[in-house]
N, C-alpha and C. Protein backbone atom coordinates (compact mmCIF):
# COMPACT_ATOMS: atom_id res chain seq x y z
N MET A 1 6.57 -0.55 -23.59
CA MET A 1 5.43 -1.40 -23.39
C MET A 1 5.18 -2.14 -24.70
N GLY A 2 5.29 -3.45 -24.65
CA GLY A 2 5.20 -4.25 -25.86
C GLY A 2 3.82 -4.35 -26.45
N ASN A 3 2.82 -4.63 -25.62
CA ASN A 3 1.46 -4.81 -26.12
C ASN A 3 0.57 -3.69 -25.63
N ARG A 4 -0.22 -3.17 -26.54
CA ARG A 4 -1.20 -2.15 -26.18
C ARG A 4 -2.58 -2.78 -26.36
N LEU A 5 -3.47 -2.46 -25.45
CA LEU A 5 -4.83 -2.97 -25.57
C LEU A 5 -5.64 -2.06 -26.47
N SER A 6 -6.10 -2.59 -27.58
CA SER A 6 -6.97 -1.81 -28.44
C SER A 6 -8.42 -2.01 -28.02
N LYS A 7 -8.66 -3.10 -27.32
CA LYS A 7 -9.97 -3.42 -26.80
C LYS A 7 -9.80 -3.77 -25.33
N ILE A 8 -10.61 -3.20 -24.47
CA ILE A 8 -10.46 -3.45 -23.04
C ILE A 8 -10.96 -4.83 -22.65
N TYR A 9 -12.02 -5.28 -23.24
CA TYR A 9 -12.51 -6.62 -22.90
C TYR A 9 -11.96 -7.63 -23.90
N THR A 10 -11.58 -8.78 -23.35
CA THR A 10 -11.01 -9.83 -24.20
C THR A 10 -11.82 -11.12 -24.14
N ARG A 11 -12.67 -11.22 -23.14
CA ARG A 11 -13.49 -12.40 -22.88
C ARG A 11 -12.68 -13.60 -22.40
N THR A 12 -11.37 -13.47 -22.30
CA THR A 12 -10.55 -14.60 -21.87
C THR A 12 -10.73 -14.91 -20.39
N GLY A 13 -11.24 -13.96 -19.62
CA GLY A 13 -11.45 -14.19 -18.20
C GLY A 13 -12.85 -14.64 -17.84
N ASP A 14 -13.66 -14.87 -18.83
CA ASP A 14 -15.05 -15.26 -18.58
C ASP A 14 -15.15 -16.63 -17.91
N ASP A 15 -14.10 -17.42 -17.98
CA ASP A 15 -14.12 -18.74 -17.35
C ASP A 15 -13.56 -18.72 -15.93
N GLY A 16 -13.31 -17.50 -15.39
CA GLY A 16 -12.82 -17.40 -14.02
C GLY A 16 -11.31 -17.46 -13.91
N THR A 17 -10.62 -17.35 -15.04
CA THR A 17 -9.16 -17.33 -15.01
C THR A 17 -8.66 -15.98 -15.51
N THR A 18 -7.39 -15.72 -15.22
CA THR A 18 -6.75 -14.50 -15.71
C THR A 18 -5.32 -14.85 -16.11
N GLY A 19 -4.74 -14.02 -16.93
CA GLY A 19 -3.37 -14.25 -17.38
C GLY A 19 -2.38 -13.50 -16.51
N LEU A 20 -1.35 -14.20 -16.08
CA LEU A 20 -0.25 -13.55 -15.37
C LEU A 20 0.66 -12.88 -16.39
N GLY A 21 1.60 -12.12 -15.90
CA GLY A 21 2.52 -11.40 -16.77
C GLY A 21 3.38 -12.30 -17.63
N ASP A 22 3.55 -13.55 -17.22
CA ASP A 22 4.35 -14.49 -18.03
C ASP A 22 3.49 -15.32 -18.97
N GLY A 23 2.19 -15.01 -19.01
CA GLY A 23 1.29 -15.72 -19.92
C GLY A 23 0.56 -16.90 -19.28
N THR A 24 0.98 -17.32 -18.11
CA THR A 24 0.32 -18.42 -17.41
C THR A 24 -1.10 -18.03 -17.04
N ARG A 25 -2.05 -18.93 -17.18
CA ARG A 25 -3.43 -18.69 -16.77
C ARG A 25 -3.63 -19.27 -15.38
N VAL A 26 -4.24 -18.50 -14.51
CA VAL A 26 -4.53 -18.94 -13.14
C VAL A 26 -5.94 -18.51 -12.77
N ALA A 27 -6.47 -19.14 -11.73
CA ALA A 27 -7.80 -18.76 -11.23
C ALA A 27 -7.76 -17.33 -10.70
N LYS A 28 -8.84 -16.60 -10.94
CA LYS A 28 -8.91 -15.21 -10.48
C LYS A 28 -8.89 -15.08 -8.96
N ASP A 29 -9.20 -16.17 -8.26
CA ASP A 29 -9.16 -16.13 -6.80
C ASP A 29 -7.89 -16.79 -6.24
N SER A 30 -6.87 -16.94 -7.06
CA SER A 30 -5.61 -17.51 -6.58
C SER A 30 -4.92 -16.54 -5.62
N ALA A 31 -4.03 -17.07 -4.81
CA ALA A 31 -3.29 -16.24 -3.86
C ALA A 31 -2.47 -15.18 -4.58
N ARG A 32 -1.92 -15.49 -5.72
CA ARG A 32 -1.11 -14.53 -6.47
C ARG A 32 -1.97 -13.36 -6.96
N VAL A 33 -3.13 -13.66 -7.51
CA VAL A 33 -4.01 -12.61 -8.01
C VAL A 33 -4.53 -11.77 -6.84
N ALA A 34 -4.84 -12.41 -5.72
CA ALA A 34 -5.29 -11.67 -4.54
C ALA A 34 -4.21 -10.71 -4.07
N ALA A 35 -2.95 -11.16 -4.06
CA ALA A 35 -1.86 -10.31 -3.58
C ALA A 35 -1.65 -9.11 -4.50
N TYR A 36 -1.50 -9.33 -5.80
CA TYR A 36 -1.24 -8.16 -6.66
C TYR A 36 -2.50 -7.32 -6.84
N GLY A 37 -3.67 -7.93 -6.72
CA GLY A 37 -4.91 -7.16 -6.79
C GLY A 37 -5.05 -6.22 -5.60
N THR A 38 -4.65 -6.67 -4.44
CA THR A 38 -4.74 -5.80 -3.26
C THR A 38 -3.65 -4.74 -3.29
N VAL A 39 -2.50 -5.03 -3.88
CA VAL A 39 -1.49 -3.99 -4.09
C VAL A 39 -2.07 -2.91 -5.00
N ASP A 40 -2.80 -3.32 -6.03
CA ASP A 40 -3.45 -2.36 -6.93
C ASP A 40 -4.50 -1.54 -6.17
N GLU A 41 -5.25 -2.21 -5.31
CA GLU A 41 -6.25 -1.50 -4.49
C GLU A 41 -5.57 -0.48 -3.57
N ALA A 42 -4.45 -0.86 -2.98
CA ALA A 42 -3.69 0.07 -2.13
C ALA A 42 -3.22 1.27 -2.94
N ASN A 43 -2.77 1.02 -4.15
CA ASN A 43 -2.33 2.10 -5.02
C ASN A 43 -3.49 3.05 -5.31
N SER A 44 -4.67 2.51 -5.53
CA SER A 44 -5.85 3.33 -5.76
C SER A 44 -6.21 4.15 -4.52
N ALA A 45 -6.08 3.54 -3.35
CA ALA A 45 -6.37 4.26 -2.10
C ALA A 45 -5.39 5.42 -1.92
N ILE A 46 -4.15 5.23 -2.32
CA ILE A 46 -3.19 6.33 -2.25
C ILE A 46 -3.58 7.41 -3.26
N GLY A 47 -4.13 7.01 -4.40
CA GLY A 47 -4.65 7.99 -5.35
C GLY A 47 -5.77 8.82 -4.74
N VAL A 48 -6.63 8.18 -3.97
CA VAL A 48 -7.71 8.91 -3.28
C VAL A 48 -7.10 9.86 -2.24
N LEU A 49 -6.08 9.42 -1.55
CA LEU A 49 -5.37 10.29 -0.61
C LEU A 49 -4.77 11.49 -1.33
N LEU A 50 -4.19 11.25 -2.49
CA LEU A 50 -3.58 12.34 -3.26
C LEU A 50 -4.60 13.36 -3.76
N ALA A 51 -5.88 13.00 -3.77
CA ALA A 51 -6.92 13.95 -4.17
C ALA A 51 -7.23 14.96 -3.07
N ALA A 52 -6.71 14.73 -1.86
CA ALA A 52 -6.90 15.65 -0.74
C ALA A 52 -5.77 16.67 -0.73
N ALA A 53 -5.98 17.74 0.03
CA ALA A 53 -4.93 18.75 0.20
C ALA A 53 -3.80 18.14 1.05
N LEU A 54 -2.58 18.20 0.52
CA LEU A 54 -1.42 17.60 1.19
C LEU A 54 -0.23 18.54 1.09
N PRO A 55 0.65 18.50 2.09
CA PRO A 55 1.91 19.23 1.94
C PRO A 55 2.71 18.68 0.76
N GLY A 56 3.43 19.55 0.06
CA GLY A 56 4.14 19.16 -1.15
C GLY A 56 5.10 18.00 -1.00
N GLY A 57 5.87 17.96 0.07
CA GLY A 57 6.83 16.87 0.27
C GLY A 57 6.15 15.53 0.41
N ILE A 58 5.05 15.50 1.14
CA ILE A 58 4.30 14.26 1.31
C ILE A 58 3.69 13.84 -0.02
N ARG A 59 3.16 14.79 -0.75
CA ARG A 59 2.58 14.50 -2.08
C ARG A 59 3.63 13.83 -2.97
N ASP A 60 4.81 14.40 -3.02
CA ASP A 60 5.88 13.85 -3.87
C ASP A 60 6.24 12.43 -3.45
N GLN A 61 6.30 12.19 -2.14
CA GLN A 61 6.62 10.85 -1.66
C GLN A 61 5.52 9.85 -2.04
N LEU A 62 4.27 10.26 -1.91
CA LEU A 62 3.17 9.36 -2.25
C LEU A 62 3.13 9.04 -3.74
N ILE A 63 3.46 10.01 -4.57
CA ILE A 63 3.52 9.75 -6.02
C ILE A 63 4.63 8.74 -6.32
N ALA A 64 5.78 8.91 -5.67
CA ALA A 64 6.87 7.94 -5.85
C ALA A 64 6.43 6.55 -5.38
N ILE A 65 5.70 6.50 -4.29
CA ILE A 65 5.20 5.22 -3.76
C ILE A 65 4.22 4.59 -4.74
N GLN A 66 3.38 5.39 -5.37
CA GLN A 66 2.45 4.82 -6.36
C GLN A 66 3.21 4.12 -7.48
N HIS A 67 4.28 4.72 -7.95
CA HIS A 67 5.07 4.08 -9.00
C HIS A 67 5.69 2.78 -8.50
N GLN A 68 6.17 2.79 -7.26
CA GLN A 68 6.76 1.57 -6.71
C GLN A 68 5.71 0.49 -6.50
N LEU A 69 4.52 0.88 -6.09
CA LEU A 69 3.46 -0.12 -5.93
C LEU A 69 3.08 -0.74 -7.27
N PHE A 70 3.11 0.07 -8.32
CA PHE A 70 2.85 -0.49 -9.65
C PHE A 70 3.95 -1.50 -10.01
N ASP A 71 5.20 -1.14 -9.69
CA ASP A 71 6.31 -2.08 -9.91
C ASP A 71 6.12 -3.35 -9.08
N LEU A 72 5.72 -3.19 -7.83
CA LEU A 72 5.52 -4.34 -6.96
C LEU A 72 4.40 -5.23 -7.49
N GLY A 73 3.33 -4.62 -7.98
CA GLY A 73 2.26 -5.42 -8.59
C GLY A 73 2.79 -6.24 -9.75
N GLY A 74 3.67 -5.64 -10.55
CA GLY A 74 4.29 -6.37 -11.65
C GLY A 74 5.15 -7.52 -11.15
N GLU A 75 5.89 -7.26 -10.07
CA GLU A 75 6.72 -8.32 -9.49
C GLU A 75 5.86 -9.50 -9.04
N LEU A 76 4.73 -9.21 -8.43
CA LEU A 76 3.86 -10.28 -7.95
C LEU A 76 3.09 -10.96 -9.09
N CYS A 77 2.88 -10.24 -10.19
CA CYS A 77 2.13 -10.76 -11.33
C CYS A 77 3.00 -11.62 -12.26
N ILE A 78 4.31 -11.44 -12.18
CA ILE A 78 5.22 -12.19 -13.05
C ILE A 78 6.12 -13.05 -12.17
N PRO A 79 5.79 -14.32 -12.01
CA PRO A 79 6.61 -15.18 -11.16
C PRO A 79 8.09 -15.09 -11.54
N GLY A 80 8.93 -14.88 -10.51
CA GLY A 80 10.37 -14.79 -10.73
C GLY A 80 10.88 -13.40 -11.05
N HIS A 81 9.99 -12.46 -11.27
CA HIS A 81 10.38 -11.08 -11.60
C HIS A 81 10.78 -10.32 -10.33
N ALA A 82 11.78 -9.46 -10.43
CA ALA A 82 12.22 -8.63 -9.30
C ALA A 82 12.08 -7.16 -9.68
N ALA A 83 11.38 -6.39 -8.86
CA ALA A 83 11.21 -4.96 -9.13
C ALA A 83 11.49 -4.10 -7.91
N ILE A 84 11.28 -4.62 -6.72
CA ILE A 84 11.51 -3.88 -5.48
C ILE A 84 12.81 -4.40 -4.89
N ASP A 85 13.68 -3.46 -4.50
CA ASP A 85 14.95 -3.90 -3.91
C ASP A 85 15.14 -3.28 -2.53
N ASP A 86 16.25 -3.62 -1.90
CA ASP A 86 16.53 -3.16 -0.55
C ASP A 86 16.55 -1.64 -0.46
N ALA A 87 17.04 -0.97 -1.49
CA ALA A 87 17.10 0.50 -1.47
C ALA A 87 15.70 1.11 -1.40
N ASP A 88 14.71 0.46 -2.00
CA ASP A 88 13.34 0.96 -1.93
C ASP A 88 12.81 0.88 -0.50
N VAL A 89 13.11 -0.21 0.18
CA VAL A 89 12.70 -0.37 1.58
C VAL A 89 13.43 0.66 2.44
N GLU A 90 14.72 0.82 2.20
CA GLU A 90 15.50 1.79 2.98
C GLU A 90 15.00 3.22 2.79
N ARG A 91 14.56 3.56 1.59
CA ARG A 91 14.02 4.90 1.34
C ARG A 91 12.75 5.11 2.18
N LEU A 92 11.89 4.10 2.25
CA LEU A 92 10.70 4.21 3.10
C LEU A 92 11.10 4.42 4.56
N GLU A 93 12.12 3.70 5.00
CA GLU A 93 12.59 3.85 6.38
C GLU A 93 13.12 5.25 6.64
N GLN A 94 13.82 5.83 5.68
CA GLN A 94 14.33 7.19 5.82
C GLN A 94 13.18 8.19 5.93
N TRP A 95 12.18 8.04 5.08
CA TRP A 95 11.02 8.93 5.14
C TRP A 95 10.29 8.75 6.46
N LEU A 96 10.16 7.50 6.89
CA LEU A 96 9.50 7.19 8.16
C LEU A 96 10.21 7.90 9.31
N ASP A 97 11.51 7.73 9.38
CA ASP A 97 12.29 8.35 10.46
C ASP A 97 12.17 9.87 10.43
N ALA A 98 12.21 10.46 9.24
CA ALA A 98 12.12 11.92 9.12
C ALA A 98 10.76 12.44 9.58
N HIS A 99 9.68 11.77 9.19
CA HIS A 99 8.34 12.22 9.59
C HIS A 99 8.07 11.95 11.06
N ASN A 100 8.61 10.88 11.58
CA ASN A 100 8.35 10.50 12.96
C ASN A 100 9.15 11.35 13.95
N ALA A 101 10.24 11.94 13.49
CA ALA A 101 11.15 12.68 14.39
C ALA A 101 10.45 13.81 15.14
N ASP A 102 9.51 14.49 14.51
CA ASP A 102 8.85 15.64 15.13
C ASP A 102 7.54 15.29 15.84
N LEU A 103 7.16 14.03 15.81
CA LEU A 103 5.91 13.63 16.47
C LEU A 103 6.17 13.28 17.93
N PRO A 104 5.21 13.56 18.80
CA PRO A 104 5.36 13.14 20.19
C PRO A 104 5.29 11.62 20.29
N ALA A 105 5.89 11.10 21.34
CA ALA A 105 5.86 9.65 21.56
C ALA A 105 4.41 9.19 21.66
N LEU A 106 4.15 8.02 21.16
CA LEU A 106 2.80 7.46 21.15
C LEU A 106 2.54 6.82 22.51
N LYS A 107 1.51 7.30 23.19
CA LYS A 107 1.16 6.77 24.52
C LYS A 107 -0.21 6.09 24.52
N ASP A 108 -0.99 6.34 23.47
CA ASP A 108 -2.33 5.79 23.36
C ASP A 108 -2.54 5.26 21.96
N PHE A 109 -3.57 4.44 21.81
CA PHE A 109 -3.97 4.01 20.48
C PHE A 109 -4.67 5.16 19.77
N ILE A 110 -4.51 5.20 18.46
CA ILE A 110 -5.12 6.24 17.65
C ILE A 110 -6.19 5.62 16.77
N LEU A 111 -7.36 6.25 16.75
CA LEU A 111 -8.43 5.80 15.87
C LEU A 111 -8.26 6.42 14.49
N PRO A 112 -8.69 5.73 13.44
CA PRO A 112 -8.63 6.33 12.11
C PRO A 112 -9.51 7.58 12.06
N GLY A 113 -8.95 8.66 11.64
CA GLY A 113 -9.66 9.93 11.57
C GLY A 113 -8.65 11.05 11.62
N GLY A 114 -9.07 12.20 12.15
CA GLY A 114 -8.15 13.32 12.26
C GLY A 114 -8.18 14.26 11.07
N GLY A 115 -9.29 14.28 10.36
CA GLY A 115 -9.41 15.13 9.18
C GLY A 115 -9.44 14.28 7.92
N GLU A 116 -9.80 14.92 6.83
CA GLU A 116 -9.99 14.19 5.58
C GLU A 116 -8.72 13.48 5.11
N ALA A 117 -7.62 14.20 5.02
CA ALA A 117 -6.38 13.59 4.51
C ALA A 117 -5.91 12.47 5.43
N ALA A 118 -5.96 12.70 6.74
CA ALA A 118 -5.51 11.67 7.69
C ALA A 118 -6.39 10.43 7.61
N ALA A 119 -7.69 10.61 7.49
CA ALA A 119 -8.61 9.47 7.39
C ALA A 119 -8.34 8.68 6.11
N ARG A 120 -8.11 9.38 5.00
CA ARG A 120 -7.79 8.69 3.74
C ARG A 120 -6.47 7.93 3.88
N CYS A 121 -5.53 8.51 4.60
CA CYS A 121 -4.23 7.86 4.81
C CYS A 121 -4.40 6.59 5.65
N HIS A 122 -5.24 6.66 6.69
CA HIS A 122 -5.52 5.46 7.49
C HIS A 122 -6.15 4.36 6.65
N LEU A 123 -7.06 4.73 5.75
CA LEU A 123 -7.68 3.72 4.89
C LEU A 123 -6.63 3.08 3.99
N ALA A 124 -5.76 3.88 3.40
CA ALA A 124 -4.69 3.34 2.56
C ALA A 124 -3.80 2.41 3.39
N ARG A 125 -3.52 2.80 4.63
CA ARG A 125 -2.68 1.97 5.52
C ARG A 125 -3.30 0.60 5.73
N THR A 126 -4.60 0.55 5.98
CA THR A 126 -5.22 -0.75 6.25
C THR A 126 -5.25 -1.63 5.00
N ILE A 127 -5.38 -1.02 3.84
CA ILE A 127 -5.36 -1.79 2.58
C ILE A 127 -3.95 -2.32 2.33
N VAL A 128 -2.94 -1.53 2.62
CA VAL A 128 -1.55 -2.00 2.49
C VAL A 128 -1.31 -3.17 3.44
N ARG A 129 -1.85 -3.09 4.67
CA ARG A 129 -1.69 -4.21 5.61
C ARG A 129 -2.32 -5.48 5.04
N ARG A 130 -3.48 -5.34 4.40
CA ARG A 130 -4.11 -6.52 3.79
C ARG A 130 -3.26 -7.05 2.65
N ALA A 131 -2.70 -6.14 1.86
CA ALA A 131 -1.81 -6.56 0.76
C ALA A 131 -0.62 -7.33 1.33
N GLU A 132 -0.11 -6.87 2.45
CA GLU A 132 1.00 -7.57 3.10
C GLU A 132 0.57 -8.98 3.53
N ARG A 133 -0.59 -9.07 4.18
CA ARG A 133 -1.06 -10.39 4.61
C ARG A 133 -1.25 -11.33 3.43
N GLU A 134 -1.82 -10.81 2.34
CA GLU A 134 -2.07 -11.67 1.17
C GLU A 134 -0.77 -12.05 0.46
N THR A 135 0.23 -11.18 0.54
CA THR A 135 1.54 -11.51 -0.03
C THR A 135 2.23 -12.58 0.81
N VAL A 136 2.05 -12.51 2.12
CA VAL A 136 2.58 -13.56 3.01
C VAL A 136 1.90 -14.89 2.70
N THR A 137 0.59 -14.85 2.49
CA THR A 137 -0.14 -16.08 2.11
C THR A 137 0.42 -16.64 0.81
N LEU A 138 0.64 -15.78 -0.17
CA LEU A 138 1.22 -16.23 -1.44
C LEU A 138 2.59 -16.86 -1.20
N ALA A 139 3.39 -16.27 -0.33
CA ALA A 139 4.74 -16.77 -0.06
C ALA A 139 4.73 -18.17 0.56
N ARG A 140 3.62 -18.56 1.15
CA ARG A 140 3.52 -19.92 1.71
C ARG A 140 3.43 -20.97 0.60
N HIS A 141 3.01 -20.55 -0.60
CA HIS A 141 2.79 -21.47 -1.71
C HIS A 141 3.80 -21.31 -2.84
N ASP A 142 4.22 -20.06 -3.08
CA ASP A 142 5.10 -19.75 -4.20
C ASP A 142 6.23 -18.85 -3.72
N ALA A 143 7.26 -18.79 -4.52
CA ALA A 143 8.40 -17.94 -4.17
C ALA A 143 8.00 -16.47 -4.25
N VAL A 144 8.25 -15.76 -3.18
CA VAL A 144 8.07 -14.30 -3.11
C VAL A 144 9.33 -13.74 -2.49
N ARG A 145 9.90 -12.75 -3.13
CA ARG A 145 11.12 -12.14 -2.61
C ARG A 145 10.82 -11.42 -1.29
N PRO A 146 11.70 -11.52 -0.31
CA PRO A 146 11.45 -10.89 0.98
C PRO A 146 11.32 -9.37 0.89
N GLN A 147 11.92 -8.77 -0.13
CA GLN A 147 11.82 -7.32 -0.28
C GLN A 147 10.37 -6.88 -0.49
N ALA A 148 9.58 -7.70 -1.17
CA ALA A 148 8.18 -7.36 -1.41
C ALA A 148 7.41 -7.25 -0.10
N ILE A 149 7.61 -8.23 0.78
CA ILE A 149 6.91 -8.23 2.07
C ILE A 149 7.44 -7.11 2.95
N ARG A 150 8.74 -6.91 2.97
CA ARG A 150 9.33 -5.83 3.78
C ARG A 150 8.84 -4.47 3.30
N TYR A 151 8.73 -4.29 1.98
CA TYR A 151 8.26 -3.02 1.44
C TYR A 151 6.85 -2.72 1.93
N LEU A 152 5.96 -3.69 1.84
CA LEU A 152 4.59 -3.47 2.29
C LEU A 152 4.52 -3.21 3.79
N ASN A 153 5.34 -3.90 4.56
CA ASN A 153 5.37 -3.69 6.00
C ASN A 153 5.80 -2.27 6.34
N ARG A 154 6.87 -1.80 5.72
CA ARG A 154 7.35 -0.44 5.98
C ARG A 154 6.38 0.60 5.46
N LEU A 155 5.75 0.31 4.34
CA LEU A 155 4.80 1.27 3.77
C LEU A 155 3.61 1.46 4.71
N SER A 156 3.10 0.40 5.29
CA SER A 156 1.97 0.57 6.22
C SER A 156 2.41 1.37 7.44
N ASP A 157 3.63 1.15 7.90
CA ASP A 157 4.16 1.95 9.02
C ASP A 157 4.27 3.42 8.63
N LEU A 158 4.78 3.67 7.42
CA LEU A 158 4.91 5.05 6.95
C LEU A 158 3.54 5.71 6.85
N LEU A 159 2.56 5.01 6.32
CA LEU A 159 1.23 5.60 6.19
C LEU A 159 0.62 5.90 7.56
N PHE A 160 0.91 5.09 8.56
CA PHE A 160 0.44 5.37 9.92
C PHE A 160 1.06 6.68 10.42
N VAL A 161 2.36 6.81 10.24
CA VAL A 161 3.04 8.03 10.68
C VAL A 161 2.55 9.24 9.88
N LEU A 162 2.36 9.07 8.57
CA LEU A 162 1.85 10.17 7.76
C LEU A 162 0.44 10.58 8.20
N ALA A 163 -0.39 9.62 8.59
CA ALA A 163 -1.72 9.95 9.08
C ALA A 163 -1.62 10.82 10.33
N ARG A 164 -0.67 10.51 11.20
CA ARG A 164 -0.45 11.34 12.40
C ARG A 164 -0.01 12.74 12.00
N VAL A 165 0.92 12.82 11.05
CA VAL A 165 1.42 14.12 10.58
C VAL A 165 0.28 14.92 9.97
N LEU A 166 -0.52 14.28 9.12
CA LEU A 166 -1.60 14.97 8.43
C LEU A 166 -2.70 15.42 9.39
N ALA A 167 -3.00 14.62 10.41
CA ALA A 167 -4.01 15.01 11.40
C ALA A 167 -3.57 16.28 12.13
N ARG A 168 -2.30 16.38 12.42
CA ARG A 168 -1.78 17.56 13.11
C ARG A 168 -1.72 18.75 12.16
N ALA A 169 -1.30 18.52 10.92
CA ALA A 169 -1.15 19.60 9.95
C ALA A 169 -2.50 20.21 9.60
N ASP A 170 -3.54 19.37 9.60
CA ASP A 170 -4.87 19.81 9.23
C ASP A 170 -5.57 20.56 10.37
N GLY A 171 -4.98 20.49 11.56
CA GLY A 171 -5.56 21.17 12.70
C GLY A 171 -6.59 20.35 13.45
N HIS A 172 -6.90 19.17 12.96
CA HIS A 172 -7.89 18.32 13.63
C HIS A 172 -7.28 17.59 14.83
N GLY A 173 -6.03 17.24 14.72
CA GLY A 173 -5.39 16.45 15.75
C GLY A 173 -5.75 14.98 15.63
N GLU A 174 -5.03 14.19 16.35
CA GLU A 174 -5.25 12.75 16.32
C GLU A 174 -6.46 12.38 17.17
N VAL A 175 -7.15 11.34 16.76
CA VAL A 175 -8.31 10.85 17.50
C VAL A 175 -7.81 9.73 18.42
N ILE A 176 -7.78 10.01 19.70
CA ILE A 176 -7.25 9.05 20.68
C ILE A 176 -8.38 8.11 21.13
N TRP A 177 -8.05 6.83 21.18
CA TRP A 177 -9.00 5.82 21.66
C TRP A 177 -9.19 6.01 23.15
N LYS A 178 -10.44 6.12 23.56
CA LYS A 178 -10.76 6.29 24.98
C LYS A 178 -11.12 4.93 25.56
N HIS A 179 -10.15 4.27 26.14
CA HIS A 179 -10.38 2.92 26.63
C HIS A 179 -11.20 2.88 27.90
N GLU A 180 -11.34 3.99 28.59
CA GLU A 180 -12.11 3.99 29.84
C GLU A 180 -13.47 4.64 29.64
N ARG A 181 -13.98 4.68 28.45
CA ARG A 181 -15.22 5.38 28.16
C ARG A 181 -16.45 4.72 28.79
N ARG A 182 -16.37 3.44 29.15
CA ARG A 182 -17.52 2.72 29.69
C ARG A 182 -17.54 2.68 31.20
N ARG A 183 -16.58 3.28 31.80
CA ARG A 183 -16.51 3.23 33.28
C ARG A 183 -17.19 4.38 33.92
């Protein structure tokens, strides 16, 4: 790490701009800042998930994902930088397939819930989905590597499957949407 912050506040953002990783100044509400900011928010939500009781294998995967999300934030913060590659997406797919293999087929919609860990996982999933949408928005204006968007897409899928696994592991079970409740 080249630069260390000796002071947390710099006052350089008081005018509504922020510095990208390459030194360029952009508006704090730019599509790029929104995308990497929401990736950071997703990473924080996974941190909240990690504060719950989790099976060891899932915990290890989520910690690895946090590191990759930090890398992805860097990729989005530094135009032209590459940090996420096809192997990262493939690893998510492998984890997804492994966790999904023991789950029953999905026949109904599932509501966010199913115990503390599952609910936290659902929240992280929805934040990752927003990060994906904001990264797609950024890609309409600036170059974004397809691996970044694919990674976020697979990650939200993985978090959905993990929420199902965690709801069952916690003994709460999945919360099924009752579409005929008003009849």
